């Protein structure tokens, strides 16, 4: 199976995306100033921009405020529980936040808030699977793989502009 990788410049910093040979998104990660390319085979990196054209387009539309919902094929890799959590995250509307407890209830176990937090932390497709929209029950910002400042930037970006 071929994997294709590319960097995508976004409003909140550089990101890295990986798709499979069918164009399904496997990973999307904010790099926080770090640059990486996991491919040792140049042919995979060479064809990456073409393979990632749709991902790049939709991410740019999102940050241009022309898109609030992503319509990409996703193939995150994780446990059954993680996949269930990530599916629930995709239901959080743009501009809204849900608590870890609410996600736990959706997955069928109200007491699984810590496990939901763990699954959130392992989300391989940041932004598109919007783990940044999950906050503590009290409304407090809690953990984010990209760091709390990035989480705050994303939430601020999604806050409706006051006219």
Protein backbone atom coordinates (compact mmCIF):
# COMPACT_ATOMS: atom_id res chain seq x y z
CA UNK A 1 0.00 0.00 0.00
CA UNK A 2 1.39 3.38 -1.00
CA UNK A 3 1.29 6.29 1.42
CA UNK A 4 1.73 9.90 0.35
CA UNK A 5 2.83 12.78 2.52
CA UNK A 6 2.82 16.54 2.18
CA UNK A 7 3.07 19.68 4.27
CA UNK A 8 0.11 22.08 4.25
CA UNK A 9 0.54 25.68 5.33
CA UNK A 10 -2.43 26.80 7.44
CA UNK A 11 -3.54 29.93 9.25
CA UNK A 12 -2.39 28.42 12.56
CA UNK A 13 0.88 26.91 11.34
CA UNK A 14 2.35 24.17 9.22
CA UNK A 15 0.63 20.79 9.17
CA UNK A 16 1.56 17.40 7.77
CA UNK A 17 -0.93 15.14 6.02
CA UNK A 18 -0.68 11.52 4.90
CA UNK A 19 -3.10 9.79 2.53
CA UNK A 20 -3.23 6.26 1.18
CA UNK A 21 -3.18 5.38 -2.51
CA UNK A 22 -6.97 5.94 -2.69
CA UNK A 23 -6.65 9.45 -1.26
CA UNK A 24 -8.14 8.55 2.14
CA UNK A 25 -6.68 10.65 4.94
CA UNK A 26 -4.69 8.62 7.46
CA UNK A 27 -3.00 11.41 9.38
CA UNK A 28 -3.21 15.18 9.78
CA UNK A 29 -0.96 16.75 12.38
CA UNK A 30 -0.01 20.30 13.27
CA UNK A 31 3.77 20.51 13.42
CA UNK A 32 4.20 23.39 15.90
CA UNK A 33 7.30 24.65 14.14
CA UNK A 34 8.79 21.22 13.46
CA UNK A 35 9.19 19.92 9.92
CA UNK A 36 9.23 16.22 9.14
CA UNK A 37 8.92 13.87 6.22
CA UNK A 38 8.56 10.21 7.14
CA UNK A 39 9.19 8.95 3.63
CA UNK A 40 12.53 7.60 2.60
CA UNK A 41 11.30 6.82 -0.91
CA UNK A 42 11.32 10.00 -3.00
CA UNK A 43 8.63 8.70 -5.39
CA UNK A 44 6.06 8.82 -2.59
CA UNK A 45 6.89 12.37 -1.60
CA UNK A 46 7.10 13.42 -5.27
CA UNK A 47 3.48 12.49 -6.02
CA UNK A 48 2.16 13.69 -2.68
CA UNK A 49 0.88 17.13 -3.76
CA UNK A 50 -1.37 15.53 -6.41
CA UNK A 51 -2.59 12.84 -4.00
CA UNK A 52 -3.25 15.44 -1.31
CA UNK A 53 -4.88 18.04 -3.54
CA UNK A 54 -8.38 17.52 -2.06
CA UNK A 55 -7.13 17.56 1.53
CA UNK A 56 -5.20 20.77 0.87
CA UNK A 57 -8.19 22.38 -0.86
CA UNK A 58 -10.60 21.59 1.97
CA UNK A 59 -8.17 22.71 4.70
CA UNK A 60 -7.61 26.02 2.88
CA UNK A 61 -11.39 26.46 2.42
CA UNK A 62 -11.83 25.87 6.16
CA UNK A 63 -9.33 28.57 7.08
CA UNK A 64 -10.78 30.89 4.41
CA UNK A 65 -14.16 30.49 6.20
CA UNK A 66 -15.71 28.85 3.13
CA UNK A 67 -16.10 25.42 4.74
CA UNK A 68 -17.27 24.24 8.15
CA UNK A 69 -17.61 20.52 7.40
CA UNK A 70 -14.96 18.30 5.83
CA UNK A 71 -16.01 15.70 3.25
CA UNK A 72 -12.80 13.72 3.03
CA UNK A 73 -12.43 9.96 3.11
CA UNK A 74 -10.90 9.10 6.48
CA UNK A 75 -9.03 5.98 7.56
CA UNK A 76 -7.74 6.63 11.07
CA UNK A 77 -5.95 3.72 12.69
CA UNK A 78 -6.93 2.91 16.26
CA UNK A 79 -8.74 0.60 18.65
CA UNK A 80 -12.48 0.00 18.37
CA UNK A 81 -13.06 2.39 21.29
CA UNK A 82 -10.86 5.10 19.75
CA UNK A 83 -12.68 4.77 16.43
CA UNK A 84 -16.02 5.13 18.25
CA UNK A 85 -14.81 8.28 20.01
CA UNK A 86 -13.39 9.77 16.81
CA UNK A 87 -16.66 9.10 15.01
CA UNK A 88 -18.53 10.95 17.79
CA UNK A 89 -16.11 13.90 17.50
CA UNK A 90 -17.07 14.27 13.85
CA UNK A 91 -20.61 15.09 14.99
CA UNK A 92 -19.53 18.20 16.93
CA UNK A 93 -20.66 21.16 14.82
CA UNK A 94 -18.30 23.94 13.82
CA UNK A 95 -18.22 26.60 16.53
CA UNK A 96 -19.49 24.31 19.30
CA UNK A 97 -17.72 22.51 22.10
CA UNK A 98 -18.78 19.31 23.83
CA UNK A 99 -17.50 17.88 27.10
CA UNK A 100 -15.54 14.67 27.49
CA UNK A 101 -18.50 13.46 29.54
CA UNK A 102 -20.91 14.04 26.66
CA UNK A 103 -18.64 12.10 24.30
CA UNK A 104 -18.41 9.30 26.88
CA UNK A 105 -22.21 9.14 27.03
CA UNK A 106 -22.40 8.94 23.23
CA UNK A 107 -19.95 6.04 23.23
CA UNK A 108 -22.15 4.21 25.74
CA UNK A 109 -20.26 4.63 29.02
CA UNK A 110 -20.78 7.88 30.93
CA UNK A 111 -17.90 6.89 33.25
CA UNK A 112 -15.38 6.65 30.39
CA UNK A 113 -14.40 10.33 30.40
CA UNK A 114 -10.71 9.56 31.01
CA UNK A 115 -10.73 6.97 28.24
CA UNK A 116 -12.33 9.55 25.94
CA UNK A 117 -9.52 11.94 26.86
CA UNK A 118 -6.99 9.25 26.01
CA UNK A 119 -8.64 8.59 22.64
CA UNK A 120 -8.77 12.32 21.97
CA UNK A 121 -5.04 12.54 22.64
CA UNK A 122 -4.37 9.73 20.14
CA UNK A 123 -6.49 11.27 17.36
CA UNK A 124 -4.32 10.92 14.23
CA UNK A 125 -6.42 13.30 12.12
CA UNK A 126 -6.46 16.62 13.98
CA UNK A 127 -8.77 19.40 12.80
CA UNK A 128 -10.74 17.15 10.42
CA UNK A 129 -11.68 14.89 13.37
CA UNK A 130 -12.22 17.95 15.59
CA UNK A 131 -10.76 16.88 18.94
CA UNK A 132 -10.02 20.56 19.65
CA UNK A 133 -13.78 21.03 20.22
CA UNK A 134 -13.75 18.83 23.35
CA UNK A 135 -13.42 20.63 26.67
CA UNK A 136 -13.84 19.85 30.35
CA UNK A 137 -17.32 19.66 31.87
CA UNK A 138 -16.64 22.96 33.67
CA UNK A 139 -15.84 24.63 30.34
CA UNK A 140 -12.10 24.60 30.99
CA UNK A 141 -9.65 23.90 28.21
CA UNK A 142 -7.91 20.63 28.90
CA UNK A 143 -5.21 18.69 27.06
CA UNK A 144 -4.61 18.88 23.35
CA UNK A 145 -1.95 16.99 21.41
CA UNK A 146 -0.93 20.19 19.63
CA UNK A 147 -0.80 22.13 22.91
CA UNK A 148 -3.37 24.35 24.60
CA UNK A 149 -2.33 27.54 22.74
CA UNK A 150 -3.14 25.85 19.41
CA UNK A 151 -6.42 24.50 20.79
CA UNK A 152 -7.36 28.02 21.90
CA UNK A 153 -6.46 29.44 18.46
CA UNK A 154 -8.68 26.87 16.74
CA UNK A 155 -11.59 27.51 19.10
CA UNK A 156 -11.17 31.29 18.71
CA UNK A 157 -11.14 30.87 14.93
CA UNK A 158 -14.44 28.96 15.10
CA UNK A 159 -16.10 31.52 17.38
CA UNK A 160 -18.71 33.39 15.33
CA UNK A 161 -17.60 36.87 14.43
CA UNK A 162 -19.67 39.56 16.10
CA UNK A 163 -21.09 42.12 13.69
